[in-house]
Amino acid sequence: RAGRSRTASLAGQVSKIPPNSLGGGDGWKRLWFVLEGGQLHYYKHVKPHKPSAARPGEMSERVINLLICSVHPRAREKGKRFCFEVVSPYNSYALQAESEADRTEW
């Protein structure tokens, strides 16, 4: 579940599908996301019970600069709800929150 911490505006688990998996199969993976200072960081190997371990630069897989992105609700994926998309000039990221409230917060 998403939540606020002292070091991040928002942190929690969100599912992400790799761009090459769109439209086929169930390639969704739960990753740890941190929203901080206009950037969205996501991590592969952060223990959910230790969100303080998720700091920019530590085990970061990717940093998305949200200042150049738009965010849109996403049509329902196969069997998935609460999806949204982060679109940058370079990539598109399909994400799934755990609830409608979490999707709105992200």
PDB file of N, CA and C in Angstrom:
ATOM      1  N   ARG A   1       0.837  -1.177   0.000  1.00  0.00           N
ATOM      2  CA  ARG A   1       0.000   0.000   0.000  1.00  0.00           C
ATOM      3  C   ARG A   1       0.875   1.231   0.000  1.00  0.00           C
ATOM      4  N   ALA A   2       0.453   2.250  -0.723  1.00  0.00           N
ATOM      5  CA  ALA A   2       1.216   3.490  -0.789  1.00  0.00           C
ATOM      6  C   ALA A   2       1.123   4.219   0.546  1.00  0.00           C
ATOM      7  N   GLY A   3       2.138   4.964   0.861  1.00  0.00           N
ATOM      8  CA  GLY A   3       2.128   5.725   2.091  1.00  0.00           C
ATOM      9  C   GLY A   3       3.187   6.804   2.074  1.00  0.00           C
ATOM     10  N   ARG A   4       3.063   7.731   2.986  1.00  0.00           N
ATOM     11  CA  ARG A   4       4.011   8.832   3.053  1.00  0.00           C
ATOM     12  C   ARG A   4       5.098   8.505   4.068  1.00  0.00           C
ATOM     13  N   SER A   5       6.299   9.003   3.818  1.00  0.00           N
ATOM     14  CA  SER A   5       7.395   8.858   4.756  1.00  0.00           C
ATOM     15  C   SER A   5       8.121  10.191   4.855  1.00  0.00           C
ATOM     16  N   ARG A   6       9.072  10.284   5.754  1.00  0.00           N
ATOM     17  CA  ARG A   6       9.801  11.543   5.928  1.00  0.00           C
ATOM     18  C   ARG A   6      10.688  11.862   4.743  1.00  0.00           C
ATOM     19  N   THR A   7      11.216  10.843   4.069  1.00  0.00           N
ATOM     20  CA  THR A   7      12.175  11.078   2.996  1.00  0.00           C
ATOM     21  C   THR A   7      11.536  11.131   1.614  1.00  0.00           C
ATOM     22  N   ALA A   8      10.297  10.726   1.490  1.00  0.00           N
ATOM     23  CA  ALA A   8       9.661  10.692   0.175  1.00  0.00           C
ATOM     24  C   ALA A   8       8.266  11.274   0.256  1.00  0.00           C
ATOM     25  N   SER A   9       7.823  11.840  -0.855  1.00  0.00           N
ATOM     26  CA  SER A   9       6.453  12.324  -0.937  1.00  0.00           C
ATOM     27  C   SER A   9       5.483  11.162  -0.911  1.00  0.00           C
ATOM     28  N   LEU A  10       5.884  10.052  -1.559  1.00  0.00           N
ATOM     29  CA  LEU A  10       5.044   8.864  -1.640  1.00  0.00           C
ATOM     30  C   LEU A  10       5.946   7.663  -1.894  1.00  0.00           C
ATOM     31  N   ALA A  11       5.667   6.554  -1.231  1.00  0.00           N
ATOM     32  CA  ALA A  11       6.446   5.331  -1.448  1.00  0.00           C
ATOM     33  C   ALA A  11       5.526   4.140  -1.296  1.00  0.00           C
ATOM     34  N   GLY A  12       5.735   3.124  -2.121  1.00  0.00           N
ATOM     35  CA  GLY A  12       4.929   1.920  -2.014  1.00  0.00           C
ATOM     36  C   GLY A  12       5.136   0.996  -3.199  1.00  0.00           C
ATOM     37  N   GLN A  13       4.459  -0.146  -3.137  1.00  0.00           N
ATOM     38  CA  GLN A  13       4.561  -1.117  -4.215  1.00  0.00           C
ATOM     39  C   GLN A  13       3.544  -0.814  -5.302  1.00  0.00           C
ATOM     40  N   VAL A  14       4.023  -0.861  -6.536  1.00  0.00           N
ATOM     41  CA  VAL A  14       3.196  -0.660  -7.719  1.00  0.00           C
ATOM     42  C   VAL A  14       3.631  -1.719  -8.714  1.00  0.00           C
ATOM     43  N   SER A  15       2.696  -2.236  -9.485  1.00  0.00           N
ATOM     44  CA  SER A  15       3.044  -3.206 -10.521  1.00  0.00           C
ATOM     45  C   SER A  15       3.387  -2.467 -11.805  1.00  0.00           C
ATOM     46  N   LYS A  16       4.357  -3.004 -12.541  1.00  0.00           N
ATOM     47  CA  LYS A  16       4.808  -2.401 -13.795  1.00  0.00           C
ATOM     48  C   LYS A  16       4.957  -3.508 -14.825  1.00  0.00           C
ATOM     49  N   ILE A  17       4.612  -3.180 -16.059  1.00  0.00           N
ATOM     50  CA  ILE A  17       4.811  -4.140 -17.137  1.00  0.00           C
ATOM     51  C   ILE A  17       5.877  -3.587 -18.082  1.00  0.00           C
ATOM     52  N   PRO A  18       6.838  -4.424 -18.467  1.00  0.00           N
ATOM     53  CA  PRO A  18       7.852  -3.945 -19.408  1.00  0.00           C
ATOM     54  C   PRO A  18       7.211  -3.544 -20.741  1.00  0.00           C
ATOM     55  N   PRO A  19       7.728  -2.506 -21.402  1.00  0.00           N
ATOM     56  CA  PRO A  19       7.134  -2.049 -22.665  1.00  0.00           C
ATOM     57  C   PRO A  19       7.011  -3.151 -23.714  1.00  0.00           C
ATOM     58  N   ASN A  20       7.961  -4.086 -23.761  1.00  0.00           N
ATOM     59  CA  ASN A  20       7.904  -5.146 -24.767  1.00  0.00           C
ATOM     60  C   ASN A  20       6.878  -6.224 -24.441  1.00  0.00           C
ATOM     61  N   SER A  21       6.260  -6.163 -23.244  1.00  0.00           N
ATOM     62  CA  SER A  21       5.242  -7.144 -22.857  1.00  0.00           C
ATOM     63  C   SER A  21       3.827  -6.638 -23.073  1.00  0.00           C
ATOM     64  N   LEU A  22       3.677  -5.376 -23.459  1.00  0.00           N
ATOM     65  CA  LEU A  22       2.341  -4.806 -23.626  1.00  0.00           C
ATOM     66  C   LEU A  22       1.547  -5.601 -24.651  1.00  0.00           C
ATOM     67  N   GLY A  23       0.336  -5.914 -24.285  1.00  0.00           N
ATOM     68  CA  GLY A  23      -0.557  -6.596 -25.199  1.00  0.00           C
ATOM     69  C   GLY A  23      -0.440  -8.106 -25.207  1.00  0.00           C
ATOM     70  N   GLY A  24       0.496  -8.666 -24.448  1.00  0.00           N
ATOM     71  CA  GLY A  24       0.623 -10.116 -24.467  1.00  0.00           C
ATOM     72  C   GLY A  24       1.205 -10.653 -23.183  1.00  0.00           C
ATOM     73  N   GLY A  25       0.594 -11.704 -22.669  1.00  0.00           N
ATOM     74  CA  GLY A  25       1.113 -12.373 -21.479  1.00  0.00           C
ATOM     75  C   GLY A  25       0.941 -11.559 -20.221  1.00  0.00           C
ATOM     76  N   ASP A  26       1.403 -12.141 -19.128  1.00  0.00           N
ATOM     77  CA  ASP A  26       1.314 -11.463 -17.837  1.00  0.00           C
ATOM     78  C   ASP A  26       2.721 -11.148 -17.363  1.00  0.00           C
ATOM     79  N   GLY A  27       3.307 -10.099 -17.916  1.00  0.00           N
ATOM     80  CA  GLY A  27       4.660  -9.713 -17.568  1.00  0.00           C
ATOM     81  C   GLY A  27       4.731  -8.720 -16.419  1.00  0.00           C
ATOM     82  N   TRP A  28       3.618  -8.508 -15.706  1.00  0.00           N
ATOM     83  CA  TRP A  28       3.574  -7.532 -14.628  1.00  0.00           C
ATOM     84  C   TRP A  28       4.488  -7.950 -13.487  1.00  0.00           C
ATOM     85  N   LYS A  29       5.229  -6.962 -12.923  1.00  0.00           N
ATOM     86  CA  LYS A  29       6.102  -7.208 -11.778  1.00  0.00           C
ATOM     87  C   LYS A  29       5.845  -6.150 -10.726  1.00  0.00           C
ATOM     88  N   ARG A  30       5.799  -6.585  -9.457  1.00  0.00           N
ATOM     89  CA  ARG A  30       5.645  -5.642  -8.350  1.00  0.00           C
ATOM     90  C   ARG A  30       7.018  -5.075  -8.007  1.00  0.00           C
ATOM     91  N   LEU A  31       7.097  -3.754  -8.017  1.00  0.00           N
ATOM     92  CA  LEU A  31       8.343  -3.066  -7.720  1.00  0.00           C
ATOM     93  C   LEU A  31       8.087  -2.012  -6.647  1.00  0.00           C
ATOM     94  N   TRP A  32       9.133  -1.576  -5.999  1.00  0.00           N
ATOM     95  CA  TRP A  32       9.038  -0.528  -4.992  1.00  0.00           C
ATOM     96  C   TRP A  32       9.258   0.810  -5.677  1.00  0.00           C
ATOM     97  N   PHE A  33       8.302   1.732  -5.555  1.00  0.00           N
ATOM     98  CA  PHE A  33       8.372   3.051  -6.179  1.00  0.00           C
ATOM     99  C   PHE A  33       8.479   4.120  -5.106  1.00  0.00           C
ATOM    100  N   VAL A  34       9.242   5.151  -5.404  1.00  0.00           N
ATOM    101  CA  VAL A  34       9.377   6.311  -4.520  1.00  0.00           C
ATOM    102  C   VAL A  34       9.187   7.558  -5.379  1.00  0.00           C
ATOM    103  N   LEU A  35       8.237   8.400  -4.988  1.00  0.00           N
ATOM    104  CA  LEU A  35       7.976   9.667  -5.658  1.00  0.00           C
ATOM    105  C   LEU A  35       8.592  10.759  -4.801  1.00  0.00           C
ATOM    106  N   GLU A  36       9.561  11.481  -5.371  1.00  0.00           N
ATOM    107  CA  GLU A  36      10.269  12.481  -4.583  1.00  0.00           C
ATOM    108  C   GLU A  36      10.834  13.565  -5.490  1.00  0.00           C
ATOM    109  N   GLY A  37      10.552  14.803  -5.169  1.00  0.00           N
ATOM    110  CA  GLY A  37      11.145  15.933  -5.876  1.00  0.00           C
ATOM    111  C   GLY A  37      10.938  15.937  -7.378  1.00  0.00           C
ATOM    112  N   GLY A  38       9.759  15.574  -7.841  1.00  0.00           N
ATOM    113  CA  GLY A  38       9.483  15.586  -9.269  1.00  0.00           C
ATOM    114  C   GLY A  38      10.077  14.408 -10.023  1.00  0.00           C
ATOM    115  N   GLN A  39      10.561  13.413  -9.277  1.00  0.00           N
ATOM    116  CA  GLN A  39      11.116  12.214  -9.901  1.00  0.00           C
ATOM    117  C   GLN A  39      10.460  10.968  -9.325  1.00  0.00           C
ATOM    118  N   LEU A  40      10.265   9.982 -10.192  1.00  0.00           N
ATOM    119  CA  LEU A  40       9.711   8.699  -9.785  1.00  0.00           C
ATOM    120  C   LEU A  40      10.824   7.665  -9.906  1.00  0.00           C
ATOM    121  N   HIS A  41      11.237   7.120  -8.764  1.00  0.00           N
ATOM    122  CA  HIS A  41      12.296   6.112  -8.719  1.00  0.00           C
ATOM    123  C   HIS A  41      11.630   4.747  -8.570  1.00  0.00           C
ATOM    124  N   TYR A  42      12.157   3.734  -9.248  1.00  0.00           N
ATOM    125  CA  TYR A  42      11.675   2.393  -8.957  1.00  0.00           C
ATOM    126  C   TYR A  42      12.825   1.424  -8.825  1.00  0.00           C
ATOM    127  N   TYR A  43      12.593   0.433  -7.972  1.00  0.00           N
ATOM    128  CA  TYR A  43      13.639  -0.455  -7.489  1.00  0.00           C
ATOM    129  C   TYR A  43      13.209  -1.907  -7.638  1.00  0.00           C
ATOM    130  N   LYS A  44      14.154  -2.789  -7.895  1.00  0.00           N
ATOM    131  CA  LYS A  44      13.876  -4.219  -8.005  1.00  0.00           C
ATOM    132  C   LYS A  44      13.952  -4.930  -6.665  1.00  0.00           C
ATOM    133  N   HIS A  45      14.935  -4.595  -5.854  1.00  0.00           N
ATOM    134  CA  HIS A  45      15.257  -5.420  -4.693  1.00  0.00           C
ATOM    135  C   HIS A  45      15.203  -4.660  -3.376  1.00  0.00           C
ATOM    136  N   VAL A  46      14.110  -3.996  -3.101  1.00  0.00           N
ATOM    137  CA  VAL A  46      13.952  -3.310  -1.828  1.00  0.00           C
ATOM    138  C   VAL A  46      12.962  -4.084  -0.991  1.00  0.00           C
ATOM    139  N   LYS A  47      13.315  -4.321   0.253  1.00  0.00           N
ATOM    140  CA  LYS A  47      12.409  -5.029   1.152  1.00  0.00           C
ATOM    141  C   LYS A  47      11.279  -4.086   1.542  1.00  0.00           C
ATOM    142  N   PRO A  48      10.014  -4.448   1.293  1.00  0.00           N
ATOM    143  CA  PRO A  48       8.888  -3.554   1.572  1.00  0.00           C
ATOM    144  C   PRO A  48       8.819  -3.090   3.020  1.00  0.00           C
ATOM    145  N   HIS A  49       9.317  -3.900   3.966  1.00  0.00           N
ATOM    146  CA  HIS A  49       9.243  -3.497   5.373  1.00  0.00           C
ATOM    147  C   HIS A  49      10.363  -2.526   5.743  1.00  0.00           C
ATOM    148  N   LYS A  50      11.245  -2.199   4.796  1.00  0.00           N
ATOM    149  CA  LYS A  50      12.312  -1.238   5.059  1.00  0.00           C
ATOM    150  C   LYS A  50      12.324  -0.145   3.985  1.00  0.00           C
ATOM    151  N   PRO A  51      11.263   0.672   3.920  1.00  0.00           N
ATOM    152  CA  PRO A  51      11.213   1.688   2.877  1.00  0.00           C
ATOM    153  C   PRO A  51      12.348   2.698   2.965  1.00  0.00           C
ATOM    154  N   SER A  52      12.938   2.872   4.155  1.00  0.00           N
ATOM    155  CA  SER A  52      14.039   3.828   4.269  1.00  0.00           C
ATOM    156  C   SER A  52      15.244   3.382   3.457  1.00  0.00           C
ATOM    157  N   ALA A  53      15.308   2.088   3.094  1.00  0.00           N
ATOM    158  CA  ALA A  53      16.408   1.586   2.267  1.00  0.00           C
ATOM    159  C   ALA A  53      16.289   2.094   0.834  1.00  0.00           C
ATOM    160  N   ALA A  54      15.108   2.531   0.452  1.00  0.00           N
ATOM    161  CA  ALA A  54      14.877   2.988  -0.922  1.00  0.00           C
ATOM    162  C   ALA A  54      15.180   4.475  -1.020  1.00  0.00           C
ATOM    163  N   ARG A  55      16.427   4.788  -1.230  1.00  0.00           N
ATOM    164  CA  ARG A  55      16.842   6.174  -1.391  1.00  0.00           C
ATOM    165  C   ARG A  55      17.412   6.342  -2.788  1.00  0.00           C
ATOM    166  N   PRO A  56      17.150   7.472  -3.420  1.00  0.00           N
ATOM    167  CA  PRO A  56      17.695   7.681  -4.761  1.00  0.00           C
ATOM    168  C   PRO A  56      19.190   7.378  -4.793  1.00  0.00           C
ATOM    169  N   GLY A  57      19.600   6.614  -5.812  1.00  0.00           N
ATOM    170  CA  GLY A  57      20.988   6.235  -5.956  1.00  0.00           C
ATOM    171  C   GLY A  57      21.333   4.888  -5.352  1.00  0.00           C
ATOM    172  N   GLU A  58      20.489   4.354  -4.467  1.00  0.00           N
ATOM    173  CA  GLU A  58      20.728   3.056  -3.854  1.00  0.00           C
ATOM    174  C   GLU A  58      19.814   2.031  -4.498  1.00  0.00           C
ATOM    175  N   MET A  59      20.368   1.112  -5.240  1.00  0.00           N
ATOM    176  CA  MET A  59      19.637   0.028  -5.882  1.00  0.00           C
ATOM    177  C   MET A  59      18.586   0.538  -6.868  1.00  0.00           C
ATOM    178  N   SER A  60      18.752   1.718  -7.390  1.00  0.00           N
ATOM    179  CA  SER A  60      17.770   2.283  -8.299  1.00  0.00           C
ATOM    180  C   SER A  60      17.878   1.619  -9.661  1.00  0.00           C
ATOM    181  N   GLU A  61      16.759   1.141 -10.142  1.00  0.00           N
ATOM    182  CA  GLU A  61      16.747   0.576 -11.486  1.00  0.00           C
ATOM    183  C   GLU A  61      16.529   1.684 -12.508  1.00  0.00           C
ATOM    184  N   ARG A  62      15.664   2.627 -12.194  1.00  0.00           N
ATOM    185  CA  ARG A  62      15.308   3.670 -13.157  1.00  0.00           C
ATOM    186  C   ARG A  62      14.802   4.894 -12.401  1.00  0.00           C
ATOM    187  N   VAL A  63      15.072   6.049 -12.950  1.00  0.00           N
ATOM    188  CA  VAL A  63      14.524   7.306 -12.438  1.00  0.00           C
ATOM    189  C   VAL A  63      13.780   7.960 -13.588  1.00  0.00           C
ATOM    190  N   ILE A  64      12.533   8.306 -13.366  1.00  0.00           N
ATOM    191  CA  ILE A  64      11.703   8.947 -14.375  1.00  0.00           C
ATOM    192  C   ILE A  64      11.506  10.408 -13.956  1.00  0.00           C
ATOM    193  N   ASN A  65      11.912  11.332 -14.805  1.00  0.00           N
ATOM    194  CA  ASN A  65      11.738  12.750 -14.542  1.00  0.00           C
ATOM    195  C   ASN A  65      10.300  13.125 -14.885  1.00  0.00           C
ATOM    196  N   LEU A  66       9.480  13.328 -13.874  1.00  0.00           N
ATOM    197  CA  LEU A  66       8.058  13.597 -14.095  1.00  0.00           C
ATOM    198  C   LEU A  66       7.785  15.005 -14.633  1.00  0.00           C
ATOM    199  N   LEU A  67       8.782  15.866 -14.583  1.00  0.00           N
ATOM    200  CA  LEU A  67       8.581  17.222 -15.088  1.00  0.00           C
ATOM    201  C   LEU A  67       8.383  17.253 -16.597  1.00  0.00           C
ATOM    202  N   ILE A  68       8.801  16.188 -17.277  1.00  0.00           N
ATOM    203  CA  ILE A  68       8.621  16.127 -18.734  1.00  0.00           C
ATOM    204  C   ILE A  68       7.614  15.038 -19.125  1.00  0.00           C
ATOM    205  N   CYS A  69       6.824  14.577 -18.157  1.00  0.00           N
ATOM    206  CA  CYS A  69       5.876  13.476 -18.398  1.00  0.00           C
ATOM    207  C   CYS A  69       4.436  13.932 -18.244  1.00  0.00           C
ATOM    208  N   SER A  70       3.557  13.131 -18.802  1.00  0.00           N
ATOM    209  CA  SER A  70       2.128  13.271 -18.521  1.00  0.00           C
ATOM    210  C   SER A  70       1.656  11.936 -17.952  1.00  0.00           C
ATOM    211  N   VAL A  71       0.604  11.991 -17.157  1.00  0.00           N
ATOM    212  CA  VAL A  71       0.061  10.785 -16.521  1.00  0.00           C
ATOM    213  C   VAL A  71      -1.402  10.663 -16.913  1.00  0.00           C
ATOM    214  N   HIS A  72      -1.793   9.452 -17.354  1.00  0.00           N
ATOM    215  CA  HIS A  72      -3.156   9.224 -17.822  1.00  0.00           C
ATOM    216  C   HIS A  72      -3.711   7.945 -17.214  1.00  0.00           C
ATOM    217  N   PRO A  73      -5.013   7.928 -16.891  1.00  0.00           N
ATOM    218  CA  PRO A  73      -5.632   6.649 -16.550  1.00  0.00           C
ATOM    219  C   PRO A  73      -5.490   5.726 -17.758  1.00  0.00           C
ATOM    220  N   ARG A  74      -5.372   4.458 -17.530  1.00  0.00           N
ATOM    221  CA  ARG A  74      -5.166   3.503 -18.613  1.00  0.00           C
ATOM    222  C   ARG A  74      -6.376   2.587 -18.694  1.00  0.00           C
ATOM    223  N   ALA A  75      -6.785   2.290 -19.912  1.00  0.00           N
ATOM    224  CA  ALA A  75      -7.900   1.355 -20.095  1.00  0.00           C
ATOM    225  C   ALA A  75      -7.562   0.046 -19.394  1.00  0.00           C
ATOM    226  N   ARG A  76      -8.565  -0.632 -18.950  1.00  0.00           N
ATOM    227  CA  ARG A  76      -8.367  -1.864 -18.196  1.00  0.00           C
ATOM    228  C   ARG A  76      -7.558  -2.882 -18.999  1.00  0.00           C
ATOM    229  N   GLU A  77      -6.497  -3.365 -18.383  1.00  0.00           N
ATOM    230  CA  GLU A  77      -5.686  -4.413 -18.973  1.00  0.00           C
ATOM    231  C   GLU A  77      -6.388  -5.747 -18.731  1.00  0.00           C
ATOM    232  N   LYS A  78      -5.910  -6.809 -19.343  1.00  0.00           N
ATOM    233  CA  LYS A  78      -6.503  -8.126 -19.152  1.00  0.00           C
ATOM    234  C   LYS A  78      -6.490  -8.494 -17.677  1.00  0.00           C
ATOM    235  N   GLY A  79      -7.655  -8.467 -17.038  1.00  0.00           N
ATOM    236  CA  GLY A  79      -7.781  -8.847 -15.639  1.00  0.00           C
ATOM    237  C   GLY A  79      -7.153  -7.880 -14.650  1.00  0.00           C
ATOM    238  N   LYS A  80      -6.745  -6.706 -15.081  1.00  0.00           N
ATOM    239  CA  LYS A  80      -6.093  -5.735 -14.209  1.00  0.00           C
ATOM    240  C   LYS A  80      -6.972  -4.497 -14.065  1.00  0.00           C
ATOM    241  N   ARG A  81      -6.993  -3.952 -12.846  1.00  0.00           N
ATOM    242  CA  ARG A  81      -7.709  -2.702 -12.589  1.00  0.00           C
ATOM    243  C   ARG A  81      -6.719  -1.680 -12.038  1.00  0.00           C
ATOM    244  N   PHE A  82      -7.159  -0.462 -11.903  1.00  0.00           N
ATOM    245  CA  PHE A  82      -6.403   0.625 -11.283  1.00  0.00           C
ATOM    246  C   PHE A  82      -5.101   0.933 -12.032  1.00  0.00           C
ATOM    247  N   CYS A  83      -5.131   0.806 -13.354  1.00  0.00           N
ATOM    248  CA  CYS A  83      -3.943   1.038 -14.174  1.00  0.00           C
ATOM    249  C   CYS A  83      -3.831   2.505 -14.578  1.00  0.00           C
ATOM    250  N   PHE A  84      -2.591   2.943 -14.741  1.00  0.00           N
ATOM    251  CA  PHE A  84      -2.322   4.283 -15.253  1.00  0.00           C
ATOM    252  C   PHE A  84      -1.026   4.240 -16.048  1.00  0.00           C
ATOM    253  N   GLU A  85      -0.795   5.292 -16.798  1.00  0.00           N
ATOM    254  CA  GLU A  85       0.365   5.315 -17.682  1.00  0.00           C
ATOM    255  C   GLU A  85       1.129   6.624 -17.491  1.00  0.00           C
ATOM    256  N   VAL A  86       2.436   6.514 -17.383  1.00  0.00           N
ATOM    257  CA  VAL A  86       3.321   7.666 -17.323  1.00  0.00           C
ATOM    258  C   VAL A  86       3.995   7.741 -18.687  1.00  0.00           C
ATOM    259  N   VAL A  87       3.791   8.859 -19.388  1.00  0.00           N
ATOM    260  CA  VAL A  87       4.298   9.001 -20.750  1.00  0.00           C
ATOM    261  C   VAL A  87       5.333  10.124 -20.783  1.00  0.00           C
ATOM    262  N   SER A  88       6.552   9.765 -21.193  1.00  0.00           N
ATOM    263  CA  SER A  88       7.616  10.751 -21.370  1.00  0.00           C
ATOM    264  C   SER A  88       7.892  10.873 -22.870  1.00  0.00           C
ATOM    265  N   PRO A  89       8.699  11.841 -23.269  1.00  0.00           N
ATOM    266  CA  PRO A  89       9.041  11.937 -24.691  1.00  0.00           C
ATOM    267  C   PRO A  89       9.814  10.710 -25.190  1.00  0.00           C
ATOM    268  N   TYR A  90      10.357   9.914 -24.257  1.00  0.00           N
ATOM    269  CA  TYR A  90      11.221   8.790 -24.625  1.00  0.00           C
ATOM    270  C   TYR A  90      10.605   7.417 -24.407  1.00  0.00           C
ATOM    271  N   ASN A  91       9.750   7.281 -23.379  1.00  0.00           N
ATOM    272  CA  ASN A  91       9.174   5.985 -23.016  1.00  0.00           C
ATOM    273  C   ASN A  91       7.762   6.144 -22.490  1.00  0.00           C
ATOM    274  N   SER A  92       7.091   5.015 -22.421  1.00  0.00           N
ATOM    275  CA  SER A  92       5.770   4.948 -21.817  1.00  0.00           C
ATOM    276  C   SER A  92       5.819   3.843 -20.763  1.00  0.00           C
ATOM    277  N   TYR A  93       5.300   4.129 -19.566  1.00  0.00           N
ATOM    278  CA  TYR A  93       5.348   3.189 -18.460  1.00  0.00           C
ATOM    279  C   TYR A  93       3.922   2.827 -18.044  1.00  0.00           C
ATOM    280  N   ALA A  94       3.541   1.573 -18.186  1.00  0.00           N
ATOM    281  CA  ALA A  94       2.226   1.103 -17.756  1.00  0.00           C
ATOM    282  C   ALA A  94       2.351   0.603 -16.323  1.00  0.00           C
ATOM    283  N   LEU A  95       1.527   1.169 -15.433  1.00  0.00           N
ATOM    284  CA  LEU A  95       1.599   0.856 -14.015  1.00  0.00           C
ATOM    285  C   LEU A  95       0.228   0.463 -13.484  1.00  0.00           C
ATOM    286  N   GLN A  96       0.226  -0.285 -12.380  1.00  0.00           N
ATOM    287  CA  GLN A  96      -1.023  -0.674 -11.738  1.00  0.00           C
ATOM    288  C   GLN A  96      -0.893  -0.466 -10.237  1.00  0.00           C
ATOM    289  N   ALA A  97      -1.794   0.348  -9.687  1.00  0.00           N
ATOM    290  CA  ALA A  97      -1.851   0.568  -8.244  1.00  0.00           C
ATOM    291  C   ALA A  97      -2.679  -0.537  -7.594  1.00  0.00           C
ATOM    292  N   GLU A  98      -2.647  -0.583  -6.268  1.00  0.00           N
ATOM    293  CA  GLU A  98      -3.382  -1.622  -5.540  1.00  0.00           C
ATOM    294  C   GLU A  98      -4.856  -1.294  -5.363  1.00  0.00           C
ATOM    295  N   SER A  99      -5.227  -0.007  -5.501  1.00  0.00           N
ATOM    296  CA  SER A  99      -6.626   0.402  -5.338  1.00  0.00           C
ATOM    297  C   SER A  99      -6.853   1.683  -6.133  1.00  0.00           C
ATOM    298  N   GLU A 100      -8.109   2.067  -6.277  1.00  0.00           N
ATOM    299  CA  GLU A 100      -8.428   3.320  -6.961  1.00  0.00           C
ATOM    300  C   GLU A 100      -7.866   4.513  -6.199  1.00  0.00           C
ATOM    301  N   ALA A 101      -7.934   4.466  -4.862  1.00  0.00           N
ATOM    302  CA  ALA A 101      -7.385   5.550  -4.050  1.00  0.00           C
ATOM    303  C   ALA A 101      -5.880   5.676  -4.266  1.00  0.00           C
ATOM    304  N   ASP A 102      -5.176   4.549  -4.319  1.00  0.00           N
ATOM    305  CA  ASP A 102      -3.730   4.577  -4.564  1.00  0.00           C
ATOM    306  C   ASP A 102      -3.424   5.115  -5.960  1.00  0.00           C
ATOM    307  N   ARG A 103      -4.212   4.717  -6.944  1.00  0.00           N
ATOM    308  CA  ARG A 103      -3.980   5.215  -8.302  1.00  0.00           C
ATOM    309  C   ARG A 103      -4.111   6.735  -8.335  1.00  0.00           C
ATOM    310  N   THR A 104      -5.109   7.254  -7.677  1.00  0.00           N
ATOM    311  CA  THR A 104      -5.325   8.701  -7.628  1.00  0.00           C
ATOM    312  C   THR A 104      -4.163   9.382  -6.918  1.00  0.00           C
ATOM    313  N   GLU A 105      -3.679   8.775  -5.830  1.00  0.00           N
ATOM    314  CA  GLU A 105      -2.580   9.370  -5.069  1.00  0.00           C
ATOM    315  C   GLU A 105      -1.279   9.379  -5.872  1.00  0.00           C
ATOM    316  N   TRP A 106      -1.005   8.295  -6.568  1.00  0.00           N
ATOM    317  CA  TRP A 106       0.208   8.246  -7.396  1.00  0.00           C
ATOM    318  C   TRP A 106       0.096   9.266  -8.506  1.00  0.00           C
TER     319      TRP A 106
END
